[in-house]
C-alpha atoms as a PDB file:
ATOM      1  CA  MET A   1      72.985 149.694  97.167  1.00  0.00           C
ATOM      2  CA  ASN A   2      71.850 150.906 100.433  1.00  0.00           C
ATOM      3  CA  ASN A   3      68.135 150.847 100.460  1.00  0.00           C
ATOM      4  CA  PRO A   4      66.491 150.410 103.804  1.00  0.00           C
ATOM      5  CA  ASN A   5      63.190 148.846 102.349  1.00  0.00           C
ATOM      6  CA  LEU A   6      65.420 145.901 100.904  1.00  0.00           C
ATOM      7  CA  LYS A   7      66.205 142.875 103.039  1.00  0.00           C
ATOM      8  CA  ALA A   8      68.953 140.441 102.512  1.00  0.00           C
ATOM      9  CA  VAL A   9      67.686 136.936 102.009  1.00  0.00           C
ATOM     10  CA  THR A  10      69.600 133.788 101.682  1.00  0.00           C
ATOM     11  CA  ILE A  11      68.769 131.741  98.556  1.00  0.00           C
ATOM     12  CA  ASP A  12      68.296 128.097  98.922  1.00  0.00           C
ATOM     13  CA  GLY A  13      69.567 126.464  95.768  1.00  0.00           C
ATOM     14  CA  ASN A  14      66.952 123.591  96.230  1.00  0.00           C
ATOM     15  CA  ARG A  15      63.990 125.834  95.944  1.00  0.00           C
ATOM     16  CA  LEU A  16      65.480 127.867  92.970  1.00  0.00           C
ATOM     17  CA  GLY A  17      63.742 127.660  89.635  1.00  0.00           C
ATOM     18  CA  PHE A  18      64.149 129.406  86.260  1.00  0.00           C
ATOM     19  CA  PHE A  19      61.528 129.908  83.552  1.00  0.00           C
ATOM     20  CA  PHE A  20      62.571 130.191  80.197  1.00  0.00           C
ATOM     21  CA  GLY A  21      60.435 131.233  76.995  1.00  0.00           C
ATOM     22  CA  ALA A  22      60.136 129.538  73.698  1.00  0.00           C
ATOM     23  CA  GLY A  23      63.455 129.919  71.853  1.00  0.00           C
ATOM     24  CA  ALA A  24      65.676 130.185  74.925  1.00  0.00           C
ATOM     25  CA  SER A  25      67.426 126.969  73.849  1.00  0.00           C
ATOM     26  CA  VAL A  26      68.836 128.480  70.738  1.00  0.00           C
ATOM     27  CA  GLU A  27      71.380 130.362  72.911  1.00  0.00           C
ATOM     28  CA  PHE A  28      72.595 126.850  74.044  1.00  0.00           C
ATOM     29  CA  GLY A  29      73.127 125.706  70.382  1.00  0.00           C
ATOM     30  CA  ILE A  30      69.924 123.833  70.078  1.00  0.00           C
ATOM     31  CA  PRO A  31      68.254 124.633  66.761  1.00  0.00           C
ATOM     32  CA  SER A  32      64.779 126.330  66.812  1.00  0.00           C
ATOM     33  CA  MET A  33      61.696 124.530  65.436  1.00  0.00           C
ATOM     34  CA  LYS A  34      61.990 126.593  62.325  1.00  0.00           C
ATOM     35  CA  ASN A  35      65.700 125.552  61.702  1.00  0.00           C
ATOM     36  CA  ILE A  36      64.882 121.954  62.431  1.00  0.00           C
ATOM     37  CA  THR A  37      61.980 122.026  59.988  1.00  0.00           C
ATOM     38  CA  GLU A  38      64.277 123.428  57.289  1.00  0.00           C
ATOM     39  CA  LEU A  39      67.020 120.986  58.083  1.00  0.00           C
ATOM     40  CA  PHE A  40      64.433 118.070  57.790  1.00  0.00           C
ATOM     41  CA  LYS A  41      62.927 119.593  54.527  1.00  0.00           C
ATOM     42  CA  SER A  42      66.502 119.830  53.066  1.00  0.00           C
ATOM     43  CA  LYS A  43      67.400 116.164  54.114  1.00  0.00           C
ATOM     44  CA  ILE A  44      64.017 114.635  52.946  1.00  0.00           C
ATOM     45  CA  ASN A  45      64.302 116.300  49.430  1.00  0.00           C
ATOM     46  CA  LYS A  46      68.059 115.258  49.050  1.00  0.00           C
ATOM     47  CA  ASP A  47      67.010 111.653  48.848  1.00  0.00           C
ATOM     48  CA  ASN A  48      65.205 110.999  45.467  1.00  0.00           C
ATOM     49  CA  LYS A  49      64.239 107.529  46.371  1.00  0.00           C
ATOM     50  CA  ASN A  50      62.329 108.740  49.534  1.00  0.00           C
ATOM     51  CA  LYS A  51      58.692 107.690  48.949  1.00  0.00           C
ATOM     52  CA  GLU A  52      57.605 110.162  51.978  1.00  0.00           C
ATOM     53  CA  LYS A  53      59.092 113.128  50.186  1.00  0.00           C
ATOM     54  CA  HIS A  54      55.998 113.839  47.992  1.00  0.00           C
ATOM     55  CA  LEU A  55      53.772 113.659  51.049  1.00  0.00           C
ATOM     56  CA  PHE A  56      55.947 115.848  53.179  1.00  0.00           C
ATOM     57  CA  ASN A  57      56.290 118.595  50.276  1.00  0.00           C
ATOM     58  CA  SER A  58      52.564 118.541  49.656  1.00  0.00           C
ATOM     59  CA  ILE A  59      51.564 119.101  53.109  1.00  0.00           C
ATOM     60  CA  TYR A  60      54.425 121.571  53.601  1.00  0.00           C
ATOM     61  CA  ASN A  61      53.430 123.468  50.473  1.00  0.00           C
ATOM     62  CA  SER A  62      49.628 123.627  51.482  1.00  0.00           C
ATOM     63  CA  LEU A  63      50.439 124.671  54.896  1.00  0.00           C
ATOM     64  CA  GLU A  64      52.778 127.440  53.468  1.00  0.00           C
ATOM     65  CA  GLN A  65      49.846 128.749  51.248  1.00  0.00           C
ATOM     66  CA  ILE A  66      47.502 128.838  54.191  1.00  0.00           C
ATOM     67  CA  TYR A  67      49.647 130.162  56.904  1.00  0.00           C
ATOM     68  CA  GLY A  68      52.746 131.732  55.171  1.00  0.00           C
ATOM     69  CA  LYS A  69      56.177 130.189  55.256  1.00  0.00           C
ATOM     70  CA  SER A  70      57.181 131.416  58.646  1.00  0.00           C
ATOM     71  CA  LYS A  71      54.205 129.673  60.360  1.00  0.00           C
ATOM     72  CA  VAL A  72      55.098 126.168  58.857  1.00  0.00           C
ATOM     73  CA  ASP A  73      56.843 123.679  61.194  1.00  0.00           C
ATOM     74  CA  LEU A  74      57.353 120.022  61.953  1.00  0.00           C
ATOM     75  CA  GLU A  75      54.490 120.223  64.460  1.00  0.00           C
ATOM     76  CA  SER A  76      51.855 121.383  61.951  1.00  0.00           C
ATOM     77  CA  ILE A  77      53.165 118.890  59.434  1.00  0.00           C
ATOM     78  CA  MET A  78      52.899 116.019  61.831  1.00  0.00           C
ATOM     79  CA  SER A  79      49.420 117.214  63.011  1.00  0.00           C
ATOM     80  CA  VAL A  80      48.263 116.870  59.526  1.00  0.00           C
ATOM     81  CA  ILE A  81      49.722 113.366  59.062  1.00  0.00           C
ATOM     82  CA  VAL A  82      48.267 112.254  62.399  1.00  0.00           C
ATOM     83  CA  GLY A  83      44.824 113.616  61.340  1.00  0.00           C
ATOM     84  CA  LEU A  84      45.270 111.914  57.910  1.00  0.00           C
ATOM     85  CA  LYS A  85      45.905 108.549  59.657  1.00  0.00           C
ATOM     86  CA  GLU A  86      43.094 108.766  61.977  1.00  0.00           C
ATOM     87  CA  ILE A  87      40.089 109.858  59.935  1.00  0.00           C
ATOM     88  CA  SER A  88      39.118 109.677  56.325  1.00  0.00           C
ATOM     89  CA  ALA A  89      38.764 112.750  54.370  1.00  0.00           C
ATOM     90  CA  LEU A  90      34.990 112.253  53.922  1.00  0.00           C
ATOM     91  CA  ASP A  91      34.390 111.855  57.742  1.00  0.00           C
ATOM     92  CA  SER A  92      36.243 115.031  58.332  1.00  0.00           C
ATOM     93  CA  ILE A  93      35.387 117.293  55.471  1.00  0.00           C
ATOM     94  CA  GLY A  94      31.567 117.432  56.194  1.00  0.00           C
ATOM     95  CA  ASP A  95      28.827 118.878  53.881  1.00  0.00           C
ATOM     96  CA  LEU A  96      30.419 122.347  53.776  1.00  0.00           C
ATOM     97  CA  GLY A  97      33.705 120.864  52.561  1.00  0.00           C
ATOM     98  CA  LEU A  98      31.892 118.869  49.956  1.00  0.00           C
ATOM     99  CA  PHE A  99      29.936 121.813  48.694  1.00  0.00           C
ATOM    100  CA  LEU A 100      33.276 123.832  48.582  1.00  0.00           C
ATOM    101  CA  LEU A 101      34.943 121.022  46.590  1.00  0.00           C
ATOM    102  CA  GLN A 102      32.022 120.885  44.083  1.00  0.00           C
ATOM    103  CA  GLN A 103      32.153 124.759  43.669  1.00  0.00           C
ATOM    104  CA  LYS A 104      35.759 124.362  42.629  1.00  0.00           C
ATOM    105  CA  GLY A 105      34.877 121.823  39.966  1.00  0.00           C
ATOM    106  CA  ILE A 106      35.589 118.662  41.830  1.00  0.00           C
ATOM    107  CA  LYS A 107      32.457 116.507  41.095  1.00  0.00           C
ATOM    108  CA  ASP A 108      33.741 112.990  41.588  1.00  0.00           C
ATOM    109  CA  ILE A 109      34.838 112.586  45.324  1.00  0.00           C
ATOM    110  CA  SER A 110      34.538 108.673  45.102  1.00  0.00           C
ATOM    111  CA  ASP A 111      38.422 108.270  45.428  1.00  0.00           C
ATOM    112  CA  ILE A 112      38.492 110.440  48.555  1.00  0.00           C
ATOM    113  CA  LYS A 113      39.133 108.096  51.317  1.00  0.00           C
END
């Protein structure tokens, strides 16, 4: 190309960087977050003795109903688990949440901890 406005430049390899977007690692054989989530779900559900299976599936199914299947991944599941560990339901649900539970017919919240 003979463009007089372009100037040849020597590129210093020590100052060269690349920016990749989400999903770029898939081209290198690394599974996407969605694939890892499905692999994890498959593996946890194969083991009938796994006590975490019920909790995982409960969280996965709830998030799937809220966001749709394509939006559920391990990061969102782990966020719920961390939230459950850090605070009690009564602390986080607030008055609005208690009101909505009552409207759904849940009157006894004494076992929500």
